[in-house]
Amino acid sequence: MLNEEKSRPGGKRNVGLVDRGIRILLAALIVILYLTDQISGIAAIVLGLFAFIFLLTSLVSFCPLYVPFKFSTMKKEKN
């Protein structure tokens, strides 16, 4: 049986459920701000990139910025 964590191309999961939810909510908020013309220009582009990154990292449950700090928001497994 393959271990899903080690067979992933991005590496081991390090984004937990709550972290994923927050990232998705922030991305949705940015989209809503853009669609209601609250942000535009350079701010819309920069925040749009953040929204894309938030969605991507929440979908794959992996954040490369957590790796150098050995940080994870995943729950610890009980043995």
Protein backbone atom coordinates (compact mmCIF):
# COMPACT_ATOMS: atom_id res chain seq x y z
CA MET A 1 0.00 0.00 0.00
CA LEU A 2 1.41 3.39 -1.00
CA ASN A 3 1.75 6.06 1.60
CA GLU A 4 -0.14 9.04 0.17
CA GLU A 5 2.01 11.54 2.05
CA LYS A 6 5.29 10.35 0.54
CA SER A 7 3.97 9.68 -2.96
CA ARG A 8 2.83 13.28 -3.44
CA PRO A 9 4.91 15.34 -5.88
CA GLY A 10 4.92 18.43 -3.60
CA GLY A 11 6.05 16.51 -0.57
CA LYS A 12 4.44 15.86 2.77
CA ARG A 13 1.20 17.66 3.63
CA ASN A 14 1.66 20.61 5.95
CA VAL A 15 -1.62 22.57 5.65
CA GLY A 16 -4.36 21.48 8.03
CA LEU A 17 -8.13 21.70 7.68
CA VAL A 18 -8.55 25.01 9.53
CA ASP A 19 -5.64 26.57 7.62
CA ARG A 20 -7.19 25.40 4.33
CA GLY A 21 -10.55 26.92 5.29
CA ILE A 22 -8.97 30.27 6.13
CA ARG A 23 -7.07 30.30 2.84
CA ILE A 24 -10.25 29.57 0.87
CA LEU A 25 -12.18 32.29 2.74
CA LEU A 26 -9.43 34.84 2.08
CA ALA A 27 -9.37 33.94 -1.61
CA ALA A 28 -13.17 34.28 -1.80
CA LEU A 29 -12.99 37.65 -0.04
CA ILE A 30 -10.43 38.91 -2.56
CA VAL A 31 -12.63 37.77 -5.46
CA ILE A 32 -15.67 39.49 -3.93
CA LEU A 33 -13.70 42.72 -3.42
CA TYR A 34 -12.60 42.62 -7.06
CA LEU A 35 -16.08 41.88 -8.41
CA THR A 36 -17.60 44.74 -6.39
CA ASP A 37 -14.93 47.16 -7.66
CA GLN A 38 -13.46 47.70 -4.19
CA ILE A 39 -9.97 46.90 -5.50
CA SER A 40 -8.50 47.64 -8.91
CA GLY A 41 -5.22 48.22 -10.69
CA ILE A 42 -1.99 46.92 -9.17
CA ALA A 43 -3.74 46.03 -5.89
CA ALA A 44 -6.19 43.79 -7.78
CA ILE A 45 -3.35 42.06 -9.61
CA VAL A 46 -1.28 41.46 -6.47
CA LEU A 47 -4.26 40.33 -4.39
CA GLY A 48 -5.45 38.18 -7.30
CA LEU A 49 -2.09 36.38 -7.27
CA PHE A 50 -2.43 35.86 -3.52
CA ALA A 51 -5.95 34.48 -4.02
CA PHE A 52 -4.66 32.05 -6.65
CA ILE A 53 -1.82 30.91 -4.38
CA PHE A 54 -4.20 30.53 -1.41
CA LEU A 55 -6.52 28.34 -3.48
CA LEU A 56 -3.70 26.26 -4.93
CA THR A 57 -2.04 25.61 -1.58
CA SER A 58 -5.37 24.75 0.03
CA LEU A 59 -6.21 22.27 -2.74
CA VAL A 60 -2.90 20.40 -2.49
CA SER A 61 -2.57 20.83 1.32
CA PHE A 62 1.04 21.91 0.91
CA CYS A 63 2.67 25.29 1.49
CA PRO A 64 6.31 25.58 0.39
CA LEU A 65 6.87 28.54 2.74
CA TYR A 66 6.27 26.24 5.73
CA VAL A 67 9.09 23.83 4.74
CA PRO A 68 12.21 25.89 5.73
CA PHE A 69 10.67 26.54 9.15
CA LYS A 70 9.52 22.90 9.58
CA PHE A 71 6.06 24.28 10.29
CA SER A 72 2.80 22.36 9.88
CA THR A 73 -0.83 23.01 10.73
CA MET A 74 -1.76 19.34 10.34
CA LYS A 75 -3.06 17.53 13.42
CA LYS A 76 -0.58 15.19 15.05
CA GLU A 77 -1.37 11.50 14.53
CA LYS A 78 -1.96 9.44 17.65
CA ASN A 79 -0.18 6.07 17.65
